[in-house]
C-alpha atoms as a PDB file:
ATOM      1  CA  MET A   1     -33.048  -0.261  61.168  1.00  0.00           C
ATOM      2  CA  PRO A   2     -32.879   1.293  56.772  1.00  0.00           C
ATOM      3  CA  THR A   3     -30.404  -1.378  55.446  1.00  0.00           C
ATOM      4  CA  PHE A   4     -27.180   0.014  54.266  1.00  0.00           C
ATOM      5  CA  THR A   5     -26.402  -0.392  50.668  1.00  0.00           C
ATOM      6  CA  ALA A   6     -23.936   0.232  48.137  1.00  0.00           C
ATOM      7  CA  HIS A   7     -25.829   3.804  46.788  1.00  0.00           C
ATOM      8  CA  THR A   8     -24.039   4.874  50.227  1.00  0.00           C
ATOM      9  CA  ALA A   9     -21.182   2.836  51.136  1.00  0.00           C
ATOM     10  CA  ILE A  10     -17.791   4.748  50.777  1.00  0.00           C
ATOM     11  CA  GLY A  11     -14.724   2.927  50.132  1.00  0.00           C
ATOM     12  CA  GLN A  12     -15.656   0.445  47.250  1.00  0.00           C
ATOM     13  CA  ARG A  13     -13.049   0.285  44.466  1.00  0.00           C
ATOM     14  CA  GLU A  14     -13.268   0.204  40.906  1.00  0.00           C
ATOM     15  CA  ASP A  15     -14.286  -1.957  38.799  1.00  0.00           C
ATOM     16  CA  LEU A  16     -11.864  -1.739  35.372  1.00  0.00           C
ATOM     17  CA  ILE A  17     -10.610  -4.347  33.964  1.00  0.00           C
ATOM     18  CA  ASP A  18      -6.990  -4.816  32.824  1.00  0.00           C
ATOM     19  CA  VAL A  19      -7.590  -4.699  29.148  1.00  0.00           C
ATOM     20  CA  ILE A  20      -7.809  -2.132  26.566  1.00  0.00           C
ATOM     21  CA  TYR A  21      -9.981  -3.047  22.881  1.00  0.00           C
ATOM     22  CA  ASP A  22      -8.517  -1.062  20.554  1.00  0.00           C
ATOM     23  CA  ILE A  23     -10.622  -1.772  16.965  1.00  0.00           C
ATOM     24  CA  SER A  24      -8.447   0.341  15.164  1.00  0.00           C
ATOM     25  CA  PRO A  25      -6.968  -1.669  11.834  1.00  0.00           C
ATOM     26  CA  THR A  26      -3.423  -2.243  11.085  1.00  0.00           C
ATOM     27  CA  GLU A  27      -3.484  -4.959   8.035  1.00  0.00           C
ATOM     28  CA  THR A  28      -0.526  -3.160   5.684  1.00  0.00           C
ATOM     29  CA  PRO A  29      -1.272  -5.820   3.070  1.00  0.00           C
ATOM     30  CA  ILE A  30       0.694  -3.711   0.190  1.00  0.00           C
ATOM     31  CA  MET A  31       3.919  -2.712   2.714  1.00  0.00           C
ATOM     32  CA  SER A  32       3.750  -6.027   4.147  1.00  0.00           C
ATOM     33  CA  THR A  33       4.552  -7.976   0.651  1.00  0.00           C
ATOM     34  CA  LEU A  34       7.311  -5.773  -1.021  1.00  0.00           C
ATOM     35  CA  ALA A  35      10.481  -6.562  -0.794  1.00  0.00           C
ATOM     36  CA  ARG A  36      13.045  -4.226   1.477  1.00  0.00           C
ATOM     37  CA  THR A  37      15.985  -2.898  -0.228  1.00  0.00           C
ATOM     38  CA  LYS A  38      18.501  -0.716   1.218  1.00  0.00           C
ATOM     39  CA  ALA A  39      19.630   3.083   0.200  1.00  0.00           C
ATOM     40  CA  THR A  40      22.450   4.580   0.907  1.00  0.00           C
ATOM     41  CA  ALA A  41      21.661   7.700  -0.457  1.00  0.00           C
ATOM     42  CA  VAL A  42      18.668  10.329  -0.385  1.00  0.00           C
ATOM     43  CA  PHE A  43      17.894  10.239  -3.815  1.00  0.00           C
ATOM     44  CA  HIS A  44      17.436   6.423  -4.261  1.00  0.00           C
ATOM     45  CA  GLU A  45      18.365   5.344  -8.108  1.00  0.00           C
ATOM     46  CA  TRP A  46      17.686   1.800 -10.750  1.00  0.00           C
ATOM     47  CA  GLN A  47      17.893   1.457 -13.945  1.00  0.00           C
ATOM     48  CA  THR A  48      15.219  -0.135 -16.456  1.00  0.00           C
ATOM     49  CA  ASP A  49      15.771  -1.437 -19.857  1.00  0.00           C
ATOM     50  CA  SER A  50      14.053  -3.886 -22.306  1.00  0.00           C
ATOM     51  CA  LEU A  51      13.979  -5.758 -25.461  1.00  0.00           C
ATOM     52  CA  ALA A  52      13.767  -4.237 -28.632  1.00  0.00           C
ATOM     53  CA  ALA A  53      10.477  -4.690 -29.972  1.00  0.00           C
ATOM     54  CA  ALA A  54       9.934  -8.710 -31.274  1.00  0.00           C
ATOM     55  CA  THR A  55       9.608  -8.651 -35.462  1.00  0.00           C
ATOM     56  CA  ALA A  56       9.219 -11.006 -38.395  1.00  0.00           C
ATOM     57  CA  ALA A  57      11.608  -9.298 -40.697  1.00  0.00           C
ATOM     58  CA  ASN A  58      14.666 -10.521 -38.811  1.00  0.00           C
ATOM     59  CA  ALA A  59      15.722 -12.049 -41.965  1.00  0.00           C
ATOM     60  CA  ALA A  60      19.459 -11.643 -43.503  1.00  0.00           C
ATOM     61  CA  VAL A  61      20.586 -12.890 -46.985  1.00  0.00           C
ATOM     62  CA  GLU A  62      22.888 -15.074 -47.333  1.00  0.00           C
ATOM     63  CA  GLY A  63      26.626 -14.416 -46.964  1.00  0.00           C
ATOM     64  CA  ALA A  64      25.982 -10.763 -46.515  1.00  0.00           C
ATOM     65  CA  ASP A  65      27.505  -8.574 -44.443  1.00  0.00           C
ATOM     66  CA  GLY A  66      26.649  -7.947 -40.527  1.00  0.00           C
ATOM     67  CA  VAL A  67      24.761  -5.414 -39.653  1.00  0.00           C
ATOM     68  CA  SER A  68      24.659  -3.755 -36.342  1.00  0.00           C
ATOM     69  CA  ALA A  69      22.045  -3.368 -34.003  1.00  0.00           C
ATOM     70  CA  THR A  70      20.570  -0.409 -32.590  1.00  0.00           C
ATOM     71  CA  ILE A  71      21.461  -0.260 -28.770  1.00  0.00           C
ATOM     72  CA  SER A  72      19.743   2.089 -26.788  1.00  0.00           C
ATOM     73  CA  PRO A  73      20.992   3.007 -23.068  1.00  0.00           C
ATOM     74  CA  THR A  74      19.437   1.654 -20.124  1.00  0.00           C
ATOM     75  CA  VAL A  75      17.509   4.487 -17.814  1.00  0.00           C
ATOM     76  CA  ARG A  76      18.303   5.978 -14.909  1.00  0.00           C
ATOM     77  CA  LEU A  77      15.220   6.490 -12.390  1.00  0.00           C
ATOM     78  CA  GLY A  78      15.391   7.741  -8.451  1.00  0.00           C
ATOM     79  CA  ASN A  79      13.169   8.047  -6.165  1.00  0.00           C
ATOM     80  CA  TYR A  80      13.295  10.753  -2.527  1.00  0.00           C
ATOM     81  CA  THR A  81      13.504   9.398   0.765  1.00  0.00           C
ATOM     82  CA  GLN A  82      10.464  10.633   3.062  1.00  0.00           C
ATOM     83  CA  ILE A  83      10.930  11.041   6.751  1.00  0.00           C
ATOM     84  CA  VAL A  84       7.657   9.803   9.057  1.00  0.00           C
ATOM     85  CA  GLN A  85       8.382  10.345  12.053  1.00  0.00           C
ATOM     86  CA  LYS A  86       6.015   9.928  15.795  1.00  0.00           C
ATOM     87  CA  VAL A  87       7.090  11.645  18.697  1.00  0.00           C
ATOM     88  CA  VAL A  88       5.728  10.280  21.779  1.00  0.00           C
ATOM     89  CA  GLN A  89       6.104  12.534  25.437  1.00  0.00           C
ATOM     90  CA  THR A  90       5.134  11.163  28.803  1.00  0.00           C
ATOM     91  CA  SER A  91       5.229  12.564  32.144  1.00  0.00           C
ATOM     92  CA  GLY A  92       7.555  10.431  35.571  1.00  0.00           C
ATOM     93  CA  THR A  93       4.387  10.808  37.506  1.00  0.00           C
ATOM     94  CA  LEU A  94       1.849   9.093  34.752  1.00  0.00           C
ATOM     95  CA  GLU A  95       4.901   6.506  34.297  1.00  0.00           C
ATOM     96  CA  ALA A  96       5.015   5.762  38.148  1.00  0.00           C
ATOM     97  CA  VAL A  97       0.862   5.448  38.656  1.00  0.00           C
ATOM     98  CA  ASN A  98      -0.305   1.975  38.533  1.00  0.00           C
ATOM     99  CA  LYS A  99      -2.138   1.748  35.463  1.00  0.00           C
ATOM    100  CA  ALA A 100      -5.154  -0.449  33.794  1.00  0.00           C
ATOM    101  CA  GLY A 101      -4.205  -2.566  31.019  1.00  0.00           C
ATOM    102  CA  ARG A 102      -0.868  -1.497  30.423  1.00  0.00           C
ATOM    103  CA  ARG A 103       2.662  -1.432  32.987  1.00  0.00           C
ATOM    104  CA  SER A 104       4.344   1.195  31.881  1.00  0.00           C
ATOM    105  CA  GLU A 105       2.349   4.551  29.348  1.00  0.00           C
ATOM    106  CA  ARG A 106       6.262   5.032  27.877  1.00  0.00           C
ATOM    107  CA  ALA A 107       6.236   1.709  26.107  1.00  0.00           C
ATOM    108  CA  TYR A 108       2.397   1.472  25.257  1.00  0.00           C
ATOM    109  CA  GLN A 109       1.928   4.752  23.583  1.00  0.00           C
ATOM    110  CA  LEU A 110       5.316   3.570  21.407  1.00  0.00           C
ATOM    111  CA  ALA A 111       3.585   0.592  20.851  1.00  0.00           C
ATOM    112  CA  ARG A 112       0.664   2.568  19.138  1.00  0.00           C
ATOM    113  CA  ALA A 113       2.866   5.186  17.374  1.00  0.00           C
ATOM    114  CA  SER A 114       4.328   2.057  15.698  1.00  0.00           C
ATOM    115  CA  SER A 115       1.774   0.608  14.037  1.00  0.00           C
ATOM    116  CA  GLU A 116       0.034   4.004  13.152  1.00  0.00           C
ATOM    117  CA  LEU A 117       2.930   5.138  11.695  1.00  0.00           C
ATOM    118  CA  LYS A 118       2.992   1.925   9.352  1.00  0.00           C
ATOM    119  CA  ARG A 119      -0.595   2.571   8.712  1.00  0.00           C
ATOM    120  CA  ASP A 120       0.889   5.875   7.474  1.00  0.00           C
ATOM    121  CA  MET A 121       3.135   5.195   5.370  1.00  0.00           C
ATOM    122  CA  GLU A 122       0.592   2.373   3.880  1.00  0.00           C
ATOM    123  CA  THR A 123      -1.444   5.450   2.775  1.00  0.00           C
ATOM    124  CA  ILE A 124       1.662   7.194   1.670  1.00  0.00           C
ATOM    125  CA  ILE A 125       2.541   4.882  -0.724  1.00  0.00           C
ATOM    126  CA  THR A 126      -1.055   4.161  -2.440  1.00  0.00           C
ATOM    127  CA  ALA A 127      -1.953   8.065  -2.683  1.00  0.00           C
ATOM    128  CA  ASN A 128      -1.423  10.366  -5.840  1.00  0.00           C
ATOM    129  CA  GLN A 129       2.010  11.866  -4.552  1.00  0.00           C
ATOM    130  CA  GLY A 130       4.966  13.324  -6.687  1.00  0.00           C
ATOM    131  CA  ARG A 131       7.952  12.815  -5.944  1.00  0.00           C
ATOM    132  CA  ASP A 132       9.527  16.605  -4.168  1.00  0.00           C
ATOM    133  CA  ALA A 133      13.303  16.772  -3.280  1.00  0.00           C
ATOM    134  CA  GLY A 134      12.036  18.848  -0.377  1.00  0.00           C
ATOM    135  CA  SER A 135      13.919  21.866   0.722  1.00  0.00           C
ATOM    136  CA  SER A 136      15.282  22.925   4.574  1.00  0.00           C
ATOM    137  CA  SER A 137      11.651  24.628   5.138  1.00  0.00           C
ATOM    138  CA  SER A 138       9.668  21.912   3.175  1.00  0.00           C
ATOM    139  CA  ALA A 139       9.888  18.001   3.371  1.00  0.00           C
ATOM    140  CA  ARG A 140      10.755  16.151   0.840  1.00  0.00           C
ATOM    141  CA  LYS A 141       8.434  13.841  -0.268  1.00  0.00           C
ATOM    142  CA  LEU A 142       8.502   9.872  -2.109  1.00  0.00           C
ATOM    143  CA  GLY A 143       6.754   9.837  -5.648  1.00  0.00           C
ATOM    144  CA  ALA A 144       4.034   6.961  -4.755  1.00  0.00           C
ATOM    145  CA  ILE A 145       2.340   4.255  -6.377  1.00  0.00           C
ATOM    146  CA  LEU A 146       0.660   6.406  -8.476  1.00  0.00           C
ATOM    147  CA  SER A 147       3.034   8.757 -10.061  1.00  0.00           C
ATOM    148  CA  TRP A 148       4.479   6.064 -11.906  1.00  0.00           C
ATOM    149  CA  LEU A 149       1.706   4.313 -13.213  1.00  0.00           C
ATOM    150  CA  LYS A 150       1.764   5.040 -16.790  1.00  0.00           C
ATOM    151  CA  THR A 151       2.130   1.962 -19.493  1.00  0.00           C
ATOM    152  CA  ASN A 152      -0.868   0.354 -18.703  1.00  0.00           C
ATOM    153  CA  THR A 153      -3.887   2.372 -17.098  1.00  0.00           C
ATOM    154  CA  SER A 154      -7.404   2.732 -17.761  1.00  0.00           C
ATOM    155  CA  LYS A 155      -8.628   5.956 -16.743  1.00  0.00           C
ATOM    156  CA  GLY A 156     -12.855   7.758 -16.723  1.00  0.00           C
ATOM    157  CA  THR A 157     -13.587  10.796 -19.108  1.00  0.00           C
ATOM    158  CA  SER A 158     -10.871  13.302 -18.639  1.00  0.00           C
ATOM    159  CA  GLY A 159      -8.786  12.272 -16.037  1.00  0.00           C
ATOM    160  CA  THR A 160      -5.003  11.534 -17.364  1.00  0.00           C
ATOM    161  CA  ASP A 161      -1.592   9.648 -16.227  1.00  0.00           C
ATOM    162  CA  PRO A 162       1.233  11.322 -14.707  1.00  0.00           C
ATOM    163  CA  THR A 163       3.391  13.164 -17.728  1.00  0.00           C
ATOM    164  CA  THR A 164       7.036  12.786 -16.167  1.00  0.00           C
ATOM    165  CA  ILE A 165       7.064   8.855 -14.355  1.00  0.00           C
ATOM    166  CA  GLY A 166       7.209   9.588  -9.889  1.00  0.00           C
ATOM    167  CA  VAL A 167       7.574  12.951 -10.385  1.00  0.00           C
ATOM    168  CA  SER A 168       3.965  14.729 -11.815  1.00  0.00           C
ATOM    169  CA  THR A 169       0.291  13.332  -9.786  1.00  0.00           C
ATOM    170  CA  ARG A 170      -2.528  11.720 -11.365  1.00  0.00           C
ATOM    171  CA  SER A 171      -5.371  13.355 -12.391  1.00  0.00           C
ATOM    172  CA  ASP A 172      -8.862  12.021 -11.764  1.00  0.00           C
ATOM    173  CA  GLY A 173     -11.321  11.885 -14.298  1.00  0.00           C
ATOM    174  CA  ALA A 174     -15.117  10.781 -13.784  1.00  0.00           C
ATOM    175  CA  THR A 175     -15.729   7.683 -12.254  1.00  0.00           C
ATOM    176  CA  ARG A 176     -17.480   4.994 -13.382  1.00  0.00           C
ATOM    177  CA  THR A 177     -18.146   1.334 -12.553  1.00  0.00           C
ATOM    178  CA  PHE A 178     -15.674  -1.347 -11.854  1.00  0.00           C
ATOM    179  CA  THR A 179     -16.200  -3.827 -14.714  1.00  0.00           C
ATOM    180  CA  GLU A 180     -14.591  -7.040 -15.189  1.00  0.00           C
ATOM    181  CA  GLN A 181     -13.785  -6.247 -18.687  1.00  0.00           C
ATOM    182  CA  LEU A 182     -11.997  -3.018 -17.362  1.00  0.00           C
ATOM    183  CA  LEU A 183      -9.729  -5.496 -15.014  1.00  0.00           C
ATOM    184  CA  LYS A 184      -9.510  -7.929 -17.663  1.00  0.00           C
ATOM    185  CA  ASP A 185      -8.114  -5.191 -20.270  1.00  0.00           C
ATOM    186  CA  GLU A 186      -5.596  -4.533 -18.365  1.00  0.00           C
ATOM    187  CA  ILE A 187      -4.387  -7.333 -16.745  1.00  0.00           C
ATOM    188  CA  ALA A 188      -3.456  -8.247 -20.667  1.00  0.00           C
ATOM    189  CA  ALA A 189      -2.116  -5.190 -21.116  1.00  0.00           C
ATOM    190  CA  VAL A 190       0.600  -6.081 -18.071  1.00  0.00           C
ATOM    191  CA  PHE A 191       1.091  -9.187 -19.772  1.00  0.00           C
ATOM    192  CA  ASP A 192       1.959  -8.297 -23.724  1.00  0.00           C
ATOM    193  CA  SER A 193       4.242  -5.816 -21.180  1.00  0.00           C
ATOM    194  CA  GLY A 194       6.076  -8.592 -19.875  1.00  0.00           C
ATOM    195  CA  GLY A 195       4.406  -8.728 -16.435  1.00  0.00           C
ATOM    196  CA  ASN A 196       2.894 -10.992 -14.440  1.00  0.00           C
ATOM    197  CA  PRO A 197       0.294  -9.450 -12.017  1.00  0.00           C
ATOM    198  CA  THR A 198       0.194 -11.656  -9.039  1.00  0.00           C
ATOM    199  CA  MET A 199      -1.976  -8.907  -6.212  1.00  0.00           C
ATOM    200  CA  LEU A 200      -5.281  -7.229  -7.107  1.00  0.00           C
ATOM    201  CA  VAL A 201      -5.483  -4.280  -4.773  1.00  0.00           C
ATOM    202  CA  VAL A 202      -8.646  -2.519  -3.835  1.00  0.00           C
ATOM    203  CA  GLY A 203     -10.482  -0.926  -1.130  1.00  0.00           C
ATOM    204  CA  SER A 204     -13.397  -2.170   0.937  1.00  0.00           C
ATOM    205  CA  GLY A 205     -15.980  -0.852  -1.712  1.00  0.00           C
ATOM    206  CA  LEU A 206     -14.291  -2.468  -4.703  1.00  0.00           C
ATOM    207  CA  LYS A 207     -12.967  -5.702  -3.186  1.00  0.00           C
ATOM    208  CA  GLN A 208     -17.118  -6.272  -3.147  1.00  0.00           C
ATOM    209  CA  LYS A 209     -17.413  -5.109  -6.219  1.00  0.00           C
ATOM    210  CA  VAL A 210     -15.173  -7.290  -7.446  1.00  0.00           C
ATOM    211  CA  SER A 211     -16.782 -10.432  -5.787  1.00  0.00           C
ATOM    212  CA  SER A 212     -20.222  -9.430  -7.779  1.00  0.00           C
ATOM    213  CA  PHE A 213     -18.404 -10.176 -11.296  1.00  0.00           C
ATOM    214  CA  ALA A 214     -20.238 -12.896 -12.049  1.00  0.00           C
ATOM    215  CA  GLY A 215     -17.116 -15.012 -13.817  1.00  0.00           C
ATOM    216  CA  ILE A 216     -17.789 -18.063 -15.621  1.00  0.00           C
ATOM    217  CA  ALA A 217     -19.196 -20.821 -13.267  1.00  0.00           C
ATOM    218  CA  ALA A 218     -21.518 -20.390 -10.381  1.00  0.00           C
ATOM    219  CA  GLN A 219     -19.927 -22.048  -6.935  1.00  0.00           C
ATOM    220  CA  ARG A 220     -21.817 -23.901  -4.944  1.00  0.00           C
ATOM    221  CA  TYR A 221     -21.162 -25.158  -0.876  1.00  0.00           C
ATOM    222  CA  MET A 222     -22.799 -28.372  -0.633  1.00  0.00           C
ATOM    223  CA  ALA A 223     -23.663 -28.773   3.056  1.00  0.00           C
ATOM    224  CA  PRO A 224     -25.605 -31.687   4.879  1.00  0.00           C
ATOM    225  CA  GLY A 225     -29.163 -31.731   5.165  1.00  0.00           C
ATOM    226  CA  ASP A 226     -28.758 -31.184   9.047  1.00  0.00           C
ATOM    227  CA  GLN A 227     -26.386 -28.330   8.737  1.00  0.00           C
ATOM    228  CA  PRO A 228     -26.859 -24.821   8.227  1.00  0.00           C
ATOM    229  CA  THR A 229     -26.309 -23.477   4.697  1.00  0.00           C
ATOM    230  CA  THR A 230     -23.055 -21.216   3.890  1.00  0.00           C
ATOM    231  CA  ILE A 231     -24.231 -18.494   1.677  1.00  0.00           C
ATOM    232  CA  ILE A 232     -20.962 -18.199  -0.827  1.00  0.00           C
ATOM    233  CA  GLY A 233     -20.584 -14.426  -1.774  1.00  0.00           C
ATOM    234  CA  ALA A 234     -17.102 -13.583  -1.657  1.00  0.00           C
ATOM    235  CA  ALA A 235     -13.846 -14.137  -4.319  1.00  0.00           C
ATOM    236  CA  GLU A 236      -9.878 -14.132  -2.440  1.00  0.00           C
ATOM    237  CA  ILE A 237      -8.277 -15.433  -5.887  1.00  0.00           C
ATOM    238  CA  TYR A 238      -9.372 -14.195  -9.556  1.00  0.00           C
ATOM    239  CA  MET A 239      -8.421 -17.144 -11.724  1.00  0.00           C
ATOM    240  CA  GLY A 240      -7.947 -15.130 -15.238  1.00  0.00           C
ATOM    241  CA  ASP A 241      -6.387 -15.820 -18.295  1.00  0.00           C
ATOM    242  CA  PHE A 242      -3.050 -15.257 -17.891  1.00  0.00           C
ATOM    243  CA  GLY A 243      -2.570 -16.931 -14.374  1.00  0.00           C
ATOM    244  CA  GLN A 244      -3.895 -16.935 -10.848  1.00  0.00           C
ATOM    245  CA  ILE A 245      -4.650 -13.193  -8.733  1.00  0.00           C
ATOM    246  CA  SER A 246      -4.913 -12.516  -5.271  1.00  0.00           C
ATOM    247  CA  ILE A 247      -7.677  -9.974  -4.413  1.00  0.00           C
ATOM    248  CA  VAL A 248      -6.748  -8.439  -1.547  1.00  0.00           C
ATOM    249  CA  PRO A 249      -8.191  -5.514   0.460  1.00  0.00           C
ATOM    250  CA  ASP A 250      -6.760  -2.178   1.721  1.00  0.00           C
ATOM    251  CA  ARG A 251      -8.330  -0.105   4.128  1.00  0.00           C
ATOM    252  CA  PHE A 252      -5.866   2.974   3.634  1.00  0.00           C
ATOM    253  CA  MET A 253      -5.606   3.387  -0.830  1.00  0.00           C
ATOM    254  CA  ARG A 254      -8.067   5.245  -2.211  1.00  0.00           C
ATOM    255  CA  THR A 255     -11.256   4.414  -2.318  1.00  0.00           C
ATOM    256  CA  ARG A 256     -11.654   5.216  -5.992  1.00  0.00           C
ATOM    257  CA  ASP A 257      -8.246   3.113  -7.619  1.00  0.00           C
ATOM    258  CA  ALA A 258      -7.670  -0.099  -8.228  1.00  0.00           C
ATOM    259  CA  LEU A 259      -4.110  -1.424  -8.365  1.00  0.00           C
ATOM    260  CA  LEU A 260      -2.428  -4.289 -10.192  1.00  0.00           C
ATOM    261  CA  ILE A 261       0.905  -5.272  -8.968  1.00  0.00           C
ATOM    262  CA  ASP A 262       3.701  -7.595  -9.553  1.00  0.00           C
ATOM    263  CA  PRO A 263       5.493  -7.493  -6.589  1.00  0.00           C
ATOM    264  CA  GLU A 264       9.010  -8.552  -8.306  1.00  0.00           C
ATOM    265  CA  TYR A 265       9.265  -5.219  -9.558  1.00  0.00           C
ATOM    266  CA  MET A 266       8.125  -3.093  -6.347  1.00  0.00           C
ATOM    267  CA  ALA A 267      10.006  -2.666  -3.027  1.00  0.00           C
ATOM    268  CA  LEU A 268      10.272  -0.107  -0.135  1.00  0.00           C
ATOM    269  CA  SER A 269      14.121   0.974   0.519  1.00  0.00           C
ATOM    270  CA  TYR A 270      15.405   2.454   2.940  1.00  0.00           C
ATOM    271  CA  LEU A 271      17.999   4.635   4.196  1.00  0.00           C
ATOM    272  CA  ARG A 272      16.791   4.685   7.970  1.00  0.00           C
ATOM    273  CA  PRO A 273      14.348   1.908   8.998  1.00  0.00           C
ATOM    274  CA  PHE A 274      12.591   2.172  11.847  1.00  0.00           C
ATOM    275  CA  GLN A 275      14.407   3.164  15.014  1.00  0.00           C
ATOM    276  CA  THR A 276      13.868   5.065  18.329  1.00  0.00           C
ATOM    277  CA  ASN A 277      15.724   8.524  19.934  1.00  0.00           C
ATOM    278  CA  ASP A 278      15.771   9.497  22.891  1.00  0.00           C
ATOM    279  CA  LEU A 279      15.034  13.446  22.779  1.00  0.00           C
ATOM    280  CA  ALA A 280      16.298  15.743  24.339  1.00  0.00           C
ATOM    281  CA  LYS A 281      15.254  15.995  28.550  1.00  0.00           C
ATOM    282  CA  THR A 282      13.748  19.488  29.314  1.00  0.00           C
ATOM    283  CA  GLY A 283      11.560  18.430  32.351  1.00  0.00           C
ATOM    284  CA  ASP A 284       9.373  15.958  34.439  1.00  0.00           C
ATOM    285  CA  SER A 285       9.084  14.218  30.872  1.00  0.00           C
ATOM    286  CA  GLU A 286      10.049  11.462  28.228  1.00  0.00           C
ATOM    287  CA  LYS A 287      10.204  12.181  24.698  1.00  0.00           C
ATOM    288  CA  THR A 288      10.992   9.823  22.395  1.00  0.00           C
ATOM    289  CA  GLN A 289      10.944   9.627  18.702  1.00  0.00           C
ATOM    290  CA  LEU A 290       9.543   6.777  16.459  1.00  0.00           C
ATOM    291  CA  LEU A 291      11.615   7.687  12.947  1.00  0.00           C
ATOM    292  CA  CYS A 292      11.670   6.267   9.380  1.00  0.00           C
ATOM    293  CA  GLU A 293      13.000   6.723   6.393  1.00  0.00           C
ATOM    294  CA  PHE A 294      12.234   5.423   2.969  1.00  0.00           C
ATOM    295  CA  THR A 295      11.719   5.853  -0.374  1.00  0.00           C
ATOM    296  CA  LEU A 296       9.329   3.648  -3.578  1.00  0.00           C
ATOM    297  CA  GLU A 297      11.393   1.193  -5.233  1.00  0.00           C
ATOM    298  CA  MET A 298       9.491   1.512  -8.471  1.00  0.00           C
ATOM    299  CA  ARG A 299      12.075  -1.021 -10.995  1.00  0.00           C
ATOM    300  CA  ASN A 300       9.412  -1.747 -13.736  1.00  0.00           C
ATOM    301  CA  GLU A 301       5.923   0.764 -13.481  1.00  0.00           C
ATOM    302  CA  ALA A 302       4.855  -1.706 -16.598  1.00  0.00           C
ATOM    303  CA  ALA A 303       4.785  -4.439 -14.500  1.00  0.00           C
ATOM    304  CA  SER A 304       1.917  -2.884 -12.865  1.00  0.00           C
ATOM    305  CA  ALA A 305      -1.424  -1.561 -13.834  1.00  0.00           C
ATOM    306  CA  ILE A 306      -4.240   0.718 -12.715  1.00  0.00           C
ATOM    307  CA  VAL A 307      -7.921   1.312 -12.943  1.00  0.00           C
ATOM    308  CA  ALA A 308      -8.784   4.873 -12.219  1.00  0.00           C
ATOM    309  CA  ASP A 309     -11.661   6.921 -11.612  1.00  0.00           C
ATOM    310  CA  LEU A 310     -13.970   3.899 -10.065  1.00  0.00           C
ATOM    311  CA  ASN A 311     -17.064   4.439  -7.976  1.00  0.00           C
ATOM    312  CA  PRO A 312     -17.570   1.434  -5.250  1.00  0.00           C
ATOM    313  CA  ALA A 313     -21.613   2.642  -5.389  1.00  0.00           C
ATOM    314  CA  LEU A 314     -22.077   2.702  -9.595  1.00  0.00           C
END
C-alpha cells in the first residue's frame, strides 16, 4: 500500500507566524531634536534682532555731550503652516476576519500611516522648498531649512543662496568633494555670527565621508590578545575648535547637503498637532484621516549653516 504523504493530504493548517517584519526606517533626527511650539494662525511669525558691530573706535571726549546711537528695529519673519495627511480606509469584512500579525487592520494601518507621516515631515523640512501661501486650489507650503540659510553657506560652482529667506529656493551648483576644511570654514562662520551648532546632519554617503576625515589623532582600540580586534571606522562626534558637534545621519534629507544646526534657534510650530478624524461613512468601510498642520520656525538662520553641492562618491 502506498504511503499517504503531505503532498496529497487535505486539511493541513497553514504555517504563518503571527509577526509582520518591516525594515522601513522611521528615525527622524531633526524632528526629534527640535523644540515644539504653538502656532495660532496659518502664517506663523517671530522677530529677530542683532547687536551693533563691536568697534574699537568707541572713545568719548571728556565732558562731551552724549551722542545717540543708531537704533535699528527688529526684523519680523514668518512661515506658512503646511497640512500633511494620510487617509486609511478598511472594509468591515477585513476588520472582522481573523488576521495574522495584527488584531485590528484599522489600528495597524493607522500606526503605519503615523510613521509614514513623520517620514514625510522630515523630508519636507530638509527639502529645497520655499514657502507658498497657497490658494483654494493649491496647498500651502512651509519654507524648509534650505530656503532660510543665507548667512553661512558654502556652495559649488554656479550654486546660489535663496534671494529672499524663507521664500526662495536654492539653486544647486556643481558637486564637489566634502572636505574637513569646508566643514571647519562653516563652523567658524557660524561661531563668528554668534551661533554654536551642536549637530552636523548628513545623508549616509556623507556620514561615511566625515568618518574618513583625518582629524588630528589616530584612533586605536586595544583588545586582549585572545579577543577579536575591532576596526574603528566611524566618527560620531566631531571635536572642533569651537566645541563638540554630533554627527547625525538622516535617511530623508538630500544626499548633497550637510547641515550644521543649532537647535536652540530652530523649532517646529504646530497649528494642529497629530490627530485622527473619523470621516463620513458611505458604505461598508471605515475611513480615518491622520492629520497634522505645522511649520518651521527658523528663529535666526545665522545660527546654522549649510555645506551644499556635495558628492558623497568623490
